[in-house]
Each structure stands twice: as C-alpha cells, then as structure tokens.
C-alpha cells in the first residue's frame, strides 16, 4: 500500500514572522524576502502563479516569471493576445503567489495590472536571447494551431533574416501589477503559521495586521 495523500505532511519550523520585524511597506518586505530566497538558492525563485479572471468571473491561473520589481509593483512579460492578456484587458485585477519551499515561505499579492511603456518592453525584449525573441514572434500564444510544424516553420523563416530585424511585436510586452494587498506567510509548527497582511488604505498608507493561520 502506498502512502495516502491525506497522510502527506511537512512540519514547518525554520523561521518566524512578527509584526515588529516587517517593514512599513510591502514591496520593501518583498525585497528582503526575495534577496533571502536568492541567497538560499531557491529553485526558480522568480516563478510565480498568476491568477486572472474575465469580466464574467471565469478564473485562470498559470506560472509566469517575475522579471522586475520596485516600490510600484511587480513586472512580467507576455503576449497581450494570450488568454491571460485578454482576461487582463477585460478585468485588470490579478493575484500573484510565490512559494519558496526551501524557506517555508509564501507571498500572496493582489493588485491592479497595467501595461508598462513600449520603451521598457522594447528594452527587455532586446535583452532576451535571440531564440526567445524569435519564439515570442512565432507563437500565437494560447490560440489553437493545427500542428507543431506551423511553429517550427515560422521559426525557420524568422531565423533566416538579420537579427537586427527581429523587433518586438506590438502584441507582446510587459505588465506591472500594482499591489493593493500583500500577505507574507511563514510556515510554523503545528500549522500555527505566521501571516502578516498589508492593505492599502484610501490615504495611500499601508495597514499591517496579523491573520490567523
């Protein structure tokens, strides 16, 4: 008999999180935790679950990669005509989750998305490896295709032209998620986890509260 799924458990006991130890602003706290995750060599440290929903409330979630952050929020890149791009066009609200199991930590951020400037999207696009640039142009992301050969043929066509002619398509670029809430979760023994919630108030200041696990 194999182990029952219901019996799979992990006891968290590496760290703790207190109201007095967190920063006044959530992105400052995120910066601290992200750098600690980097130092701990967390695998795929910038991988995050992005949840979106259409105007009728249909939810969808997938893993994307964080490509930048600041006090304003978090940035990722995608095809604007992909399913997530179309959902964000209908409903700019989004939620992001990071899970860094090596540190027994989770960060959950909800906020409003907006496209970053074309110049910043151009800058990032040109920093990508050539193959990634070609792939972004070749793939009609999330749309039905009859075979993989269609993608391969388009890649072959693009690979035959000069690299200087590989430009960012208008339908591809970055989004900024501007936080309105941010929750920092630290695993603790006996499932009595620490949870600190930041909420953006009408006056532009952040309120910090402890949540029950």
N, C-alpha and C. Protein backbone atom coordinates (compact mmCIF):
# COMPACT_ATOMS: atom_id res chain seq x y z
N UNK A 1 0.85 -1.20 0.00
CA UNK A 1 0.00 0.00 0.00
C UNK A 1 0.88 1.25 0.00
N UNK A 2 0.59 2.18 -0.90
CA UNK A 2 1.33 3.43 -0.93
C UNK A 2 0.82 4.37 0.14
N UNK A 3 1.57 5.44 0.35
CA UNK A 3 1.19 6.44 1.33
C UNK A 3 -0.06 7.16 0.87
N UNK A 4 -1.02 7.31 1.78
CA UNK A 4 -2.24 8.03 1.47
C UNK A 4 -1.93 9.51 1.28
N UNK A 5 -2.56 10.13 0.29
CA UNK A 5 -2.37 11.57 0.09
C UNK A 5 -2.71 12.34 1.35
N UNK A 6 -3.73 11.90 2.06
CA UNK A 6 -4.15 12.59 3.28
C UNK A 6 -3.07 12.54 4.37
N UNK A 7 -2.13 11.60 4.25
CA UNK A 7 -1.08 11.47 5.26
C UNK A 7 0.20 12.23 4.91
N UNK A 8 0.22 12.90 3.76
CA UNK A 8 1.41 13.66 3.37
C UNK A 8 1.43 14.97 4.15
N UNK A 9 2.45 15.13 4.96
CA UNK A 9 2.56 16.33 5.79
C UNK A 9 4.02 16.77 5.90
N UNK A 10 4.21 18.07 6.08
CA UNK A 10 5.54 18.63 6.35
C UNK A 10 5.42 19.53 7.56
N UNK A 11 6.34 19.38 8.49
CA UNK A 11 6.35 20.23 9.68
C UNK A 11 7.28 21.42 9.42
N UNK A 12 6.72 22.61 9.47
CA UNK A 12 7.49 23.83 9.20
C UNK A 12 8.07 24.39 10.49
N UNK A 13 9.37 24.67 10.50
CA UNK A 13 9.97 25.14 11.75
C UNK A 13 11.26 25.94 11.53
N UNK A 14 11.46 26.48 10.34
CA UNK A 14 12.72 27.15 10.05
C UNK A 14 12.78 28.59 10.54
N UNK A 15 11.65 29.31 10.44
CA UNK A 15 11.66 30.74 10.74
C UNK A 15 10.36 31.15 11.41
N UNK A 16 10.31 32.43 11.79
CA UNK A 16 9.09 33.01 12.32
C UNK A 16 8.94 34.41 11.74
N UNK A 17 7.72 34.97 11.85
CA UNK A 17 7.43 36.29 11.29
C UNK A 17 6.58 37.07 12.29
N UNK A 18 7.08 38.23 12.70
CA UNK A 18 6.39 39.04 13.69
C UNK A 18 6.04 40.41 13.13
N UNK A 19 5.00 41.00 13.67
CA UNK A 19 4.58 42.32 13.22
C UNK A 19 5.70 43.34 13.37
N UNK A 20 6.48 43.22 14.43
CA UNK A 20 7.54 44.19 14.71
C UNK A 20 8.75 44.03 13.80
N UNK A 21 8.84 42.89 13.11
CA UNK A 21 10.04 42.62 12.31
C UNK A 21 9.86 42.94 10.84
N UNK A 22 8.63 43.25 10.40
CA UNK A 22 8.39 43.53 8.99
C UNK A 22 8.49 45.02 8.71
N UNK A 23 8.70 45.37 7.45
CA UNK A 23 8.85 46.76 7.05
C UNK A 23 7.50 47.45 6.97
N UNK A 24 7.52 48.77 6.81
CA UNK A 24 6.28 49.54 6.76
C UNK A 24 5.55 49.37 5.42
N UNK A 25 6.31 49.06 4.37
CA UNK A 25 5.71 48.91 3.04
C UNK A 25 5.95 47.50 2.51
N UNK A 26 4.96 46.94 1.82
CA UNK A 26 5.07 45.53 1.41
C UNK A 26 6.18 45.25 0.40
N UNK A 27 6.43 46.16 -0.53
CA UNK A 27 7.47 45.88 -1.52
C UNK A 27 8.86 45.93 -0.91
N UNK A 28 9.03 46.68 0.19
CA UNK A 28 10.30 46.63 0.91
C UNK A 28 10.48 45.27 1.57
N UNK A 29 9.39 44.74 2.14
CA UNK A 29 9.45 43.42 2.74
C UNK A 29 9.67 42.35 1.67
N UNK A 30 9.03 42.53 0.51
CA UNK A 30 9.24 41.59 -0.59
C UNK A 30 10.70 41.59 -1.01
N UNK A 31 11.30 42.76 -1.08
CA UNK A 31 12.71 42.86 -1.46
C UNK A 31 13.60 42.07 -0.51
N UNK A 32 13.33 42.18 0.79
CA UNK A 32 14.11 41.44 1.78
C UNK A 32 13.95 39.94 1.56
N UNK A 33 12.72 39.49 1.44
CA UNK A 33 12.47 38.06 1.29
C UNK A 33 13.00 37.53 -0.04
N UNK A 34 12.86 38.32 -1.11
CA UNK A 34 13.34 37.84 -2.40
C UNK A 34 14.85 37.67 -2.38
N UNK A 35 15.55 38.62 -1.77
CA UNK A 35 17.01 38.51 -1.69
C UNK A 35 17.43 37.34 -0.81
N UNK A 36 16.67 37.07 0.25
CA UNK A 36 16.97 35.90 1.09
C UNK A 36 16.72 34.61 0.31
N UNK A 37 15.69 34.61 -0.53
CA UNK A 37 15.42 33.44 -1.36
C UNK A 37 16.53 33.23 -2.39
N UNK A 38 17.04 34.31 -2.96
CA UNK A 38 18.17 34.22 -3.87
C UNK A 38 19.39 33.64 -3.17
N UNK A 39 19.66 34.16 -1.96
CA UNK A 39 20.83 33.69 -1.21
C UNK A 39 20.69 32.23 -0.83
N UNK A 40 19.45 31.78 -0.62
CA UNK A 40 19.20 30.38 -0.26
C UNK A 40 19.17 29.47 -1.48
N UNK A 41 19.38 30.05 -2.66
CA UNK A 41 19.39 29.30 -3.92
C UNK A 41 18.09 28.53 -4.13
N UNK A 42 16.98 29.23 -3.86
CA UNK A 42 15.67 28.65 -4.12
C UNK A 42 15.54 28.38 -5.61
N UNK A 43 15.08 27.20 -5.96
CA UNK A 43 14.92 26.85 -7.36
C UNK A 43 13.78 27.65 -7.98
N UNK A 44 14.03 28.19 -9.17
CA UNK A 44 13.04 29.01 -9.88
C UNK A 44 12.47 30.08 -8.95
N UNK A 45 13.36 30.84 -8.35
CA UNK A 45 12.97 31.81 -7.32
C UNK A 45 11.99 32.84 -7.86
N UNK A 46 12.06 33.15 -9.16
CA UNK A 46 11.17 34.17 -9.72
C UNK A 46 9.91 33.60 -10.36
N UNK A 47 9.67 32.30 -10.18
CA UNK A 47 8.45 31.69 -10.69
C UNK A 47 7.28 32.07 -9.79
N UNK A 48 6.19 32.50 -10.39
CA UNK A 48 5.03 32.91 -9.60
C UNK A 48 3.75 32.45 -10.29
N UNK A 49 2.77 32.11 -9.48
CA UNK A 49 1.46 31.78 -10.02
C UNK A 49 0.70 33.08 -10.23
N UNK A 50 0.25 33.30 -11.46
CA UNK A 50 -0.53 34.48 -11.79
C UNK A 50 -1.97 34.05 -12.03
N UNK A 51 -2.89 34.61 -11.26
CA UNK A 51 -4.31 34.31 -11.43
C UNK A 51 -5.01 35.54 -11.99
N UNK A 52 -5.80 35.30 -13.03
CA UNK A 52 -6.59 36.36 -13.66
C UNK A 52 -8.03 35.87 -13.78
N UNK A 53 -8.92 36.77 -14.14
CA UNK A 53 -10.29 36.36 -14.41
C UNK A 53 -10.91 37.29 -15.44
N UNK A 54 -11.85 36.75 -16.21
CA UNK A 54 -12.54 37.55 -17.21
C UNK A 54 -13.62 38.38 -16.55
N UNK A 55 -14.30 39.20 -17.33
CA UNK A 55 -15.32 40.09 -16.77
C UNK A 55 -16.50 39.32 -16.18
N UNK A 56 -16.70 38.08 -16.64
CA UNK A 56 -17.80 37.27 -16.09
C UNK A 56 -17.36 36.42 -14.91
N UNK A 57 -16.10 36.60 -14.47
CA UNK A 57 -15.63 35.91 -13.27
C UNK A 57 -14.94 34.58 -13.52
N UNK A 58 -14.74 34.19 -14.79
CA UNK A 58 -14.06 32.92 -15.07
C UNK A 58 -12.59 33.03 -14.66
N UNK A 59 -12.13 32.22 -13.68
CA UNK A 59 -10.74 32.33 -13.24
C UNK A 59 -9.80 31.48 -14.07
N UNK A 60 -8.53 31.87 -14.07
CA UNK A 60 -7.50 31.09 -14.74
C UNK A 60 -6.18 31.39 -14.04
N UNK A 61 -5.34 30.37 -13.88
CA UNK A 61 -4.05 30.55 -13.22
C UNK A 61 -2.98 29.79 -13.97
N UNK A 62 -1.75 30.34 -13.93
CA UNK A 62 -0.62 29.70 -14.58
C UNK A 62 0.66 30.24 -13.97
N UNK A 63 1.77 29.57 -14.24
CA UNK A 63 3.07 30.02 -13.75
C UNK A 63 3.69 30.96 -14.78
N UNK A 64 4.13 32.13 -14.32
CA UNK A 64 4.90 33.05 -15.16
C UNK A 64 6.15 33.44 -14.38
N UNK A 65 7.03 34.19 -15.02
CA UNK A 65 8.29 34.57 -14.38
C UNK A 65 8.33 36.06 -14.07
N UNK A 66 8.64 36.37 -12.83
CA UNK A 66 8.87 37.75 -12.43
C UNK A 66 10.14 38.25 -13.13
N UNK A 67 10.06 39.44 -13.73
CA UNK A 67 11.22 39.98 -14.43
C UNK A 67 11.67 41.32 -13.89
N UNK A 68 11.02 41.80 -12.85
CA UNK A 68 11.45 43.03 -12.22
C UNK A 68 10.46 43.44 -11.14
N UNK A 69 10.94 44.20 -10.18
CA UNK A 69 10.03 44.74 -9.16
C UNK A 69 10.62 46.03 -8.61
N UNK A 70 9.74 46.85 -8.06
CA UNK A 70 10.11 48.13 -7.47
C UNK A 70 9.04 48.48 -6.45
N UNK A 71 9.12 49.67 -5.89
CA UNK A 71 8.10 50.10 -4.94
C UNK A 71 6.73 50.15 -5.61
N UNK A 72 6.71 50.35 -6.93
CA UNK A 72 5.44 50.40 -7.67
C UNK A 72 4.74 49.05 -7.74
N UNK A 73 5.52 47.97 -7.89
CA UNK A 73 4.91 46.66 -8.03
C UNK A 73 5.82 45.68 -8.74
N UNK A 74 5.21 44.69 -9.38
CA UNK A 74 5.94 43.57 -9.97
C UNK A 74 5.67 43.50 -11.47
N UNK A 75 6.71 43.15 -12.24
CA UNK A 75 6.62 43.16 -13.70
C UNK A 75 6.83 41.77 -14.27
N UNK A 76 5.99 41.41 -15.23
CA UNK A 76 6.19 40.19 -16.02
C UNK A 76 5.86 40.52 -17.47
N UNK A 77 6.25 39.63 -18.39
CA UNK A 77 6.06 39.86 -19.81
C UNK A 77 5.27 38.71 -20.43
N UNK A 78 4.48 39.06 -21.45
CA UNK A 78 3.67 38.04 -22.11
C UNK A 78 3.15 38.56 -23.43
N UNK A 79 2.45 37.70 -24.13
CA UNK A 79 1.72 38.07 -25.34
C UNK A 79 0.40 38.71 -24.91
N UNK A 80 0.16 39.94 -25.32
CA UNK A 80 -1.07 40.63 -24.91
C UNK A 80 -2.33 39.96 -25.46
N UNK A 81 -2.17 39.14 -26.52
CA UNK A 81 -3.31 38.46 -27.13
C UNK A 81 -3.47 37.04 -26.59
N UNK A 82 -2.66 36.66 -25.62
CA UNK A 82 -2.81 35.35 -24.97
C UNK A 82 -4.06 35.36 -24.11
N UNK A 83 -4.43 34.20 -23.56
CA UNK A 83 -5.63 34.12 -22.74
C UNK A 83 -5.52 35.03 -21.53
N UNK A 84 -4.34 35.05 -20.88
CA UNK A 84 -4.18 35.92 -19.72
C UNK A 84 -4.22 37.38 -20.11
N UNK A 85 -3.63 37.69 -21.28
CA UNK A 85 -3.66 39.07 -21.75
C UNK A 85 -5.06 39.55 -22.03
N UNK A 86 -5.87 38.70 -22.65
CA UNK A 86 -7.25 39.06 -22.95
C UNK A 86 -8.07 39.19 -21.66
N UNK A 87 -7.80 38.32 -20.69
CA UNK A 87 -8.50 38.44 -19.41
C UNK A 87 -8.11 39.74 -18.70
N UNK A 88 -6.84 40.08 -18.72
CA UNK A 88 -6.41 41.32 -18.07
C UNK A 88 -6.97 42.55 -18.79
N UNK A 89 -7.23 42.42 -20.07
CA UNK A 89 -7.87 43.50 -20.81
C UNK A 89 -9.31 43.69 -20.34
N UNK A 90 -10.01 42.58 -20.09
CA UNK A 90 -11.38 42.63 -19.61
C UNK A 90 -11.45 43.04 -18.15
N UNK A 91 -10.51 42.52 -17.36
CA UNK A 91 -10.53 42.73 -15.91
C UNK A 91 -9.08 42.88 -15.44
N UNK A 92 -8.64 44.09 -15.12
CA UNK A 92 -7.24 44.31 -14.78
C UNK A 92 -6.82 43.78 -13.41
N UNK A 93 -7.76 43.28 -12.62
CA UNK A 93 -7.41 42.75 -11.30
C UNK A 93 -6.69 41.41 -11.45
N UNK A 94 -5.68 41.22 -10.62
CA UNK A 94 -4.89 39.99 -10.71
C UNK A 94 -4.35 39.63 -9.34
N UNK A 95 -3.94 38.38 -9.21
CA UNK A 95 -3.34 37.91 -7.96
C UNK A 95 -2.09 37.11 -8.30
N UNK A 96 -1.07 37.25 -7.46
CA UNK A 96 0.22 36.58 -7.66
C UNK A 96 0.57 35.81 -6.40
N UNK A 97 1.12 34.61 -6.56
CA UNK A 97 1.58 33.82 -5.42
C UNK A 97 2.99 33.30 -5.70
N UNK A 98 3.88 33.52 -4.74
CA UNK A 98 5.21 32.90 -4.74
C UNK A 98 5.23 31.87 -3.62
N UNK A 99 5.82 30.71 -3.89
CA UNK A 99 6.02 29.71 -2.83
C UNK A 99 7.48 29.29 -2.87
N UNK A 100 8.19 29.63 -1.80
CA UNK A 100 9.60 29.30 -1.66
C UNK A 100 9.74 28.22 -0.59
N UNK A 101 9.61 26.97 -1.02
CA UNK A 101 9.53 25.87 -0.06
C UNK A 101 10.81 25.71 0.75
N UNK A 102 11.96 26.07 0.16
CA UNK A 102 13.21 25.94 0.89
C UNK A 102 13.25 26.82 2.13
N UNK A 103 12.50 27.91 2.11
CA UNK A 103 12.43 28.82 3.26
C UNK A 103 11.10 28.71 4.00
N UNK A 104 10.23 27.82 3.50
CA UNK A 104 8.90 27.63 4.09
C UNK A 104 8.12 28.94 4.11
N UNK A 105 8.14 29.62 2.95
CA UNK A 105 7.51 30.93 2.84
C UNK A 105 6.61 31.03 1.61
N UNK A 106 5.59 31.85 1.77
CA UNK A 106 4.70 32.16 0.66
C UNK A 106 4.41 33.66 0.68
N UNK A 107 4.33 34.24 -0.51
CA UNK A 107 3.92 35.64 -0.64
C UNK A 107 2.73 35.69 -1.59
N UNK A 108 1.67 36.33 -1.15
CA UNK A 108 0.45 36.44 -1.98
C UNK A 108 0.11 37.91 -2.15
N UNK A 109 0.06 38.36 -3.40
CA UNK A 109 -0.18 39.77 -3.71
C UNK A 109 -1.38 39.88 -4.63
N UNK A 110 -2.30 40.79 -4.31
CA UNK A 110 -3.39 41.11 -5.21
C UNK A 110 -3.24 42.56 -5.63
N UNK A 111 -3.63 42.86 -6.85
CA UNK A 111 -3.45 44.22 -7.31
C UNK A 111 -4.10 44.48 -8.65
N UNK A 112 -3.76 45.63 -9.20
CA UNK A 112 -4.30 46.08 -10.48
C UNK A 112 -3.17 46.08 -11.51
N UNK A 113 -3.44 45.51 -12.67
CA UNK A 113 -2.43 45.43 -13.72
C UNK A 113 -2.54 46.59 -14.68
N UNK A 114 -1.40 46.97 -15.23
CA UNK A 114 -1.37 47.94 -16.32
C UNK A 114 -0.16 47.63 -17.19
N UNK A 115 -0.27 47.93 -18.47
CA UNK A 115 0.85 47.70 -19.38
C UNK A 115 1.97 48.70 -19.08
N UNK A 116 3.20 48.23 -19.14
CA UNK A 116 4.33 49.14 -18.98
C UNK A 116 4.55 49.86 -20.31
N UNK A 117 5.45 50.82 -20.33
CA UNK A 117 5.67 51.60 -21.54
C UNK A 117 6.27 50.74 -22.65
N UNK A 118 6.03 51.15 -23.90
CA UNK A 118 6.59 50.44 -25.05
C UNK A 118 8.11 50.45 -25.01
N UNK A 119 8.69 51.55 -24.53
CA UNK A 119 10.15 51.64 -24.50
C UNK A 119 10.74 50.63 -23.52
N UNK A 120 10.09 50.44 -22.37
CA UNK A 120 10.58 49.45 -21.41
C UNK A 120 10.40 48.03 -21.94
N UNK A 121 9.29 47.79 -22.64
CA UNK A 121 9.09 46.48 -23.25
C UNK A 121 10.12 46.22 -24.33
N UNK A 122 10.43 47.25 -25.12
CA UNK A 122 11.48 47.11 -26.15
C UNK A 122 12.82 46.77 -25.51
N UNK A 123 13.14 47.48 -24.43
CA UNK A 123 14.42 47.27 -23.76
C UNK A 123 14.55 45.84 -23.26
N UNK A 124 13.49 45.32 -22.63
CA UNK A 124 13.57 43.95 -22.14
C UNK A 124 13.60 42.95 -23.30
N UNK A 125 12.78 43.19 -24.33
CA UNK A 125 12.74 42.26 -25.46
C UNK A 125 14.12 42.10 -26.08
N UNK A 126 14.83 43.20 -26.25
CA UNK A 126 16.15 43.16 -26.88
C UNK A 126 17.20 42.51 -25.98
N UNK A 127 16.91 42.42 -24.67
CA UNK A 127 17.85 41.78 -23.75
C UNK A 127 17.71 40.26 -23.75
N UNK A 128 16.65 39.75 -24.35
CA UNK A 128 16.40 38.31 -24.35
C UNK A 128 17.31 37.60 -25.36
N UNK A 129 17.58 36.31 -25.13
CA UNK A 129 18.32 35.55 -26.14
C UNK A 129 17.56 35.57 -27.48
N UNK A 130 18.30 35.48 -28.58
CA UNK A 130 17.68 35.56 -29.90
C UNK A 130 16.58 34.52 -30.06
N UNK A 131 16.83 33.31 -29.59
CA UNK A 131 15.82 32.25 -29.73
C UNK A 131 14.52 32.59 -29.02
N UNK A 132 14.62 33.24 -27.86
CA UNK A 132 13.43 33.63 -27.13
C UNK A 132 12.67 34.73 -27.85
N UNK A 133 13.42 35.66 -28.47
CA UNK A 133 12.78 36.73 -29.24
C UNK A 133 12.02 36.14 -30.43
N UNK A 134 12.68 35.22 -31.11
CA UNK A 134 12.04 34.59 -32.28
C UNK A 134 10.80 33.80 -31.83
N UNK A 135 10.92 33.09 -30.71
CA UNK A 135 9.79 32.31 -30.22
C UNK A 135 8.60 33.17 -29.88
N UNK A 136 8.85 34.35 -29.31
CA UNK A 136 7.76 35.26 -28.94
C UNK A 136 7.01 35.75 -30.17
N UNK A 137 7.75 35.95 -31.26
CA UNK A 137 7.12 36.41 -32.50
C UNK A 137 6.39 35.25 -33.19
N UNK A 138 6.98 34.07 -33.16
CA UNK A 138 6.45 32.93 -33.91
C UNK A 138 5.18 32.35 -33.31
N UNK A 139 5.03 32.47 -32.00
CA UNK A 139 3.92 31.77 -31.33
C UNK A 139 2.69 32.66 -31.14
N UNK A 140 1.54 32.25 -31.70
CA UNK A 140 0.28 32.94 -31.40
C UNK A 140 -0.27 32.40 -30.06
N UNK A 141 0.35 32.78 -29.00
CA UNK A 141 0.16 32.16 -27.68
C UNK A 141 -1.31 31.98 -27.31
N UNK A 142 -1.64 30.79 -26.84
CA UNK A 142 -2.97 30.39 -26.36
C UNK A 142 -3.97 30.11 -27.48
N UNK A 143 -3.61 30.37 -28.73
CA UNK A 143 -4.52 30.12 -29.84
C UNK A 143 -4.32 28.71 -30.39
N UNK A 144 -5.37 28.13 -30.91
CA UNK A 144 -5.32 26.77 -31.46
C UNK A 144 -4.49 26.77 -32.74
N UNK A 145 -3.59 25.78 -32.85
CA UNK A 145 -2.83 25.57 -34.09
C UNK A 145 -2.99 24.11 -34.51
N UNK A 146 -2.85 23.86 -35.79
CA UNK A 146 -3.11 22.51 -36.30
C UNK A 146 -1.97 21.54 -36.03
N UNK A 147 -0.73 22.07 -35.90
CA UNK A 147 0.40 21.20 -35.66
C UNK A 147 1.59 22.01 -35.17
N UNK A 148 2.55 21.33 -34.56
CA UNK A 148 3.78 21.98 -34.13
C UNK A 148 4.59 22.48 -35.32
N UNK A 149 4.41 21.83 -36.46
CA UNK A 149 5.18 22.19 -37.65
C UNK A 149 4.94 23.65 -38.03
N UNK A 150 3.78 24.17 -37.75
CA UNK A 150 3.49 25.58 -38.06
C UNK A 150 4.46 26.48 -37.31
N UNK A 151 4.68 26.18 -36.02
CA UNK A 151 5.62 26.97 -35.22
C UNK A 151 7.05 26.81 -35.75
N UNK A 152 7.42 25.58 -36.03
CA UNK A 152 8.79 25.31 -36.49
C UNK A 152 9.08 26.02 -37.82
N UNK A 153 8.09 26.03 -38.70
CA UNK A 153 8.26 26.70 -40.00
C UNK A 153 8.43 28.19 -39.81
N UNK A 154 7.63 28.77 -38.92
CA UNK A 154 7.73 30.21 -38.66
C UNK A 154 9.08 30.55 -38.04
N UNK A 155 9.57 29.70 -37.14
CA UNK A 155 10.89 29.92 -36.53
C UNK A 155 11.97 29.85 -37.60
N UNK A 156 11.87 28.90 -38.52
CA UNK A 156 12.84 28.79 -39.61
C UNK A 156 12.85 30.05 -40.46
N UNK A 157 11.68 30.59 -40.74
CA UNK A 157 11.58 31.81 -41.55
C UNK A 157 12.24 32.98 -40.83
N UNK A 158 11.96 33.13 -39.55
CA UNK A 158 12.50 34.25 -38.79
C UNK A 158 14.00 34.11 -38.58
N UNK A 159 14.47 32.87 -38.46
CA UNK A 159 15.89 32.62 -38.23
C UNK A 159 16.74 32.95 -39.46
N UNK A 160 16.10 33.09 -40.60
CA UNK A 160 16.83 33.35 -41.85
C UNK A 160 17.04 34.84 -42.10
N UNK A 161 16.43 35.70 -41.28
CA UNK A 161 16.59 37.13 -41.50
C UNK A 161 17.62 37.70 -40.51
N UNK A 162 18.03 38.93 -40.74
CA UNK A 162 19.04 39.55 -39.90
C UNK A 162 18.51 39.74 -38.47
N UNK A 163 19.41 39.54 -37.50
CA UNK A 163 19.00 39.70 -36.11
C UNK A 163 18.49 41.11 -35.84
N UNK A 164 19.06 42.10 -36.49
CA UNK A 164 18.64 43.49 -36.27
C UNK A 164 17.21 43.74 -36.70
N UNK A 165 16.66 42.84 -37.51
CA UNK A 165 15.28 42.99 -37.99
C UNK A 165 14.28 42.28 -37.08
N UNK A 166 14.77 41.60 -36.05
CA UNK A 166 13.88 40.91 -35.11
C UNK A 166 13.43 41.93 -34.06
N UNK A 167 12.30 42.54 -34.30
CA UNK A 167 11.77 43.59 -33.43
C UNK A 167 10.64 43.06 -32.55
N UNK A 168 10.43 43.72 -31.43
CA UNK A 168 9.32 43.35 -30.56
C UNK A 168 7.99 43.60 -31.26
N UNK A 169 7.15 42.58 -31.34
CA UNK A 169 5.83 42.80 -31.93
C UNK A 169 4.96 43.64 -30.99
N UNK A 170 4.05 44.40 -31.54
CA UNK A 170 3.21 45.30 -30.74
C UNK A 170 2.33 44.54 -29.75
N UNK A 171 2.07 43.26 -30.05
CA UNK A 171 1.18 42.49 -29.17
C UNK A 171 1.94 41.76 -28.05
N UNK A 172 3.19 42.11 -27.84
CA UNK A 172 3.99 41.45 -26.80
C UNK A 172 4.64 42.53 -25.93
N UNK A 173 4.57 42.35 -24.61
CA UNK A 173 5.17 43.34 -23.74
C UNK A 173 4.94 43.05 -22.27
N UNK A 174 5.18 44.04 -21.45
CA UNK A 174 5.16 43.84 -20.01
C UNK A 174 3.91 44.37 -19.33
N UNK A 175 3.62 43.78 -18.19
CA UNK A 175 2.58 44.25 -17.28
C UNK A 175 3.21 44.59 -15.94
N UNK A 176 2.68 45.62 -15.30
CA UNK A 176 3.01 45.95 -13.92
C UNK A 176 1.80 45.63 -13.06
N UNK A 177 2.00 44.82 -12.02
CA UNK A 177 0.95 44.55 -11.05
C UNK A 177 1.19 45.46 -9.85
N UNK A 178 0.28 46.40 -9.62
CA UNK A 178 0.40 47.37 -8.54
C UNK A 178 -0.37 46.84 -7.33
N UNK A 179 0.32 46.50 -6.24
CA UNK A 179 -0.34 45.84 -5.11
C UNK A 179 -1.40 46.71 -4.43
N UNK A 180 -2.47 46.05 -4.00
CA UNK A 180 -3.44 46.67 -3.09
C UNK A 180 -3.51 45.88 -1.78
N UNK A 181 -3.13 44.59 -1.84
CA UNK A 181 -2.92 43.80 -0.62
C UNK A 181 -1.70 42.92 -0.85
N UNK A 182 -1.02 42.60 0.23
CA UNK A 182 0.13 41.70 0.16
C UNK A 182 0.21 40.92 1.46
N UNK A 183 0.25 39.60 1.35
CA UNK A 183 0.32 38.75 2.54
C UNK A 183 1.62 37.97 2.55
N UNK A 184 2.32 38.02 3.65
CA UNK A 184 3.57 37.27 3.85
C UNK A 184 3.29 36.15 4.84
N UNK A 185 3.58 34.93 4.39
CA UNK A 185 3.25 33.71 5.14
C UNK A 185 4.53 32.97 5.48
N UNK A 186 4.71 32.69 6.75
CA UNK A 186 5.86 31.92 7.21
C UNK A 186 5.36 30.64 7.88
N UNK A 187 5.79 29.50 7.36
CA UNK A 187 5.38 28.23 7.96
C UNK A 187 5.87 28.09 9.38
N UNK A 188 5.01 27.57 10.27
CA UNK A 188 5.36 27.36 11.67
C UNK A 188 4.87 25.97 12.10
N UNK A 189 5.40 25.44 13.23
CA UNK A 189 4.99 24.11 13.69
C UNK A 189 3.50 24.03 14.00
N UNK A 190 2.98 22.82 13.85
CA UNK A 190 1.59 22.52 14.20
C UNK A 190 0.57 23.34 13.43
N UNK A 191 0.96 23.78 12.25
CA UNK A 191 0.08 24.55 11.35
C UNK A 191 -0.32 25.90 11.94
N UNK A 192 0.37 26.37 12.96
CA UNK A 192 0.11 27.70 13.52
C UNK A 192 1.02 28.71 12.81
N UNK A 193 0.79 28.85 11.52
CA UNK A 193 1.66 29.66 10.68
C UNK A 193 1.52 31.15 10.99
N UNK A 194 2.57 31.90 10.67
CA UNK A 194 2.54 33.35 10.79
C UNK A 194 2.06 33.94 9.47
N UNK A 195 1.09 34.87 9.56
CA UNK A 195 0.58 35.54 8.36
C UNK A 195 0.45 37.04 8.67
N UNK A 196 1.16 37.86 7.91
CA UNK A 196 1.08 39.31 8.06
C UNK A 196 0.50 39.88 6.78
N UNK A 197 -0.59 40.62 6.91
CA UNK A 197 -1.29 41.19 5.76
C UNK A 197 -1.09 42.70 5.70
N UNK A 198 -0.69 43.18 4.54
CA UNK A 198 -0.63 44.62 4.24
C UNK A 198 -1.86 44.97 3.40
N UNK A 199 -2.54 46.05 3.74
CA UNK A 199 -3.68 46.52 2.96
C UNK A 199 -3.50 48.01 2.67
N UNK A 200 -3.69 48.39 1.41
CA UNK A 200 -3.54 49.79 1.01
C UNK A 200 -4.80 50.56 1.39
N UNK A 201 -4.64 51.61 2.18
CA UNK A 201 -5.78 52.41 2.63
C UNK A 201 -6.02 53.58 1.69
N UNK A 202 -7.17 54.23 1.86
CA UNK A 202 -7.54 55.33 0.97
C UNK A 202 -6.56 56.49 1.01
N UNK A 203 -5.86 56.65 2.13
CA UNK A 203 -4.90 57.74 2.25
C UNK A 203 -3.53 57.40 1.65
N UNK A 204 -3.44 56.23 1.04
CA UNK A 204 -2.19 55.82 0.41
C UNK A 204 -1.20 55.15 1.34
N UNK A 205 -1.57 55.01 2.62
CA UNK A 205 -0.68 54.35 3.57
C UNK A 205 -1.05 52.87 3.68
N UNK A 206 -0.10 52.10 4.22
CA UNK A 206 -0.30 50.66 4.34
C UNK A 206 -0.63 50.29 5.79
N UNK A 207 -1.67 49.48 5.93
CA UNK A 207 -2.05 48.95 7.24
C UNK A 207 -1.51 47.53 7.34
N UNK A 208 -0.94 47.18 8.51
CA UNK A 208 -0.41 45.83 8.74
C UNK A 208 -1.24 45.15 9.80
N UNK A 209 -1.60 43.90 9.56
CA UNK A 209 -2.40 43.12 10.50
C UNK A 209 -1.93 41.68 10.49
N UNK A 210 -2.08 41.01 11.64
CA UNK A 210 -1.80 39.57 11.72
C UNK A 210 -3.09 38.81 11.44
N UNK A 211 -2.98 37.78 10.60
CA UNK A 211 -4.11 36.91 10.29
C UNK A 211 -3.93 35.58 11.00
N UNK A 212 -5.04 34.99 11.41
CA UNK A 212 -4.98 33.64 11.96
C UNK A 212 -4.63 32.67 10.85
N UNK A 213 -3.87 31.61 11.16
CA UNK A 213 -3.48 30.64 10.12
C UNK A 213 -4.68 29.82 9.64
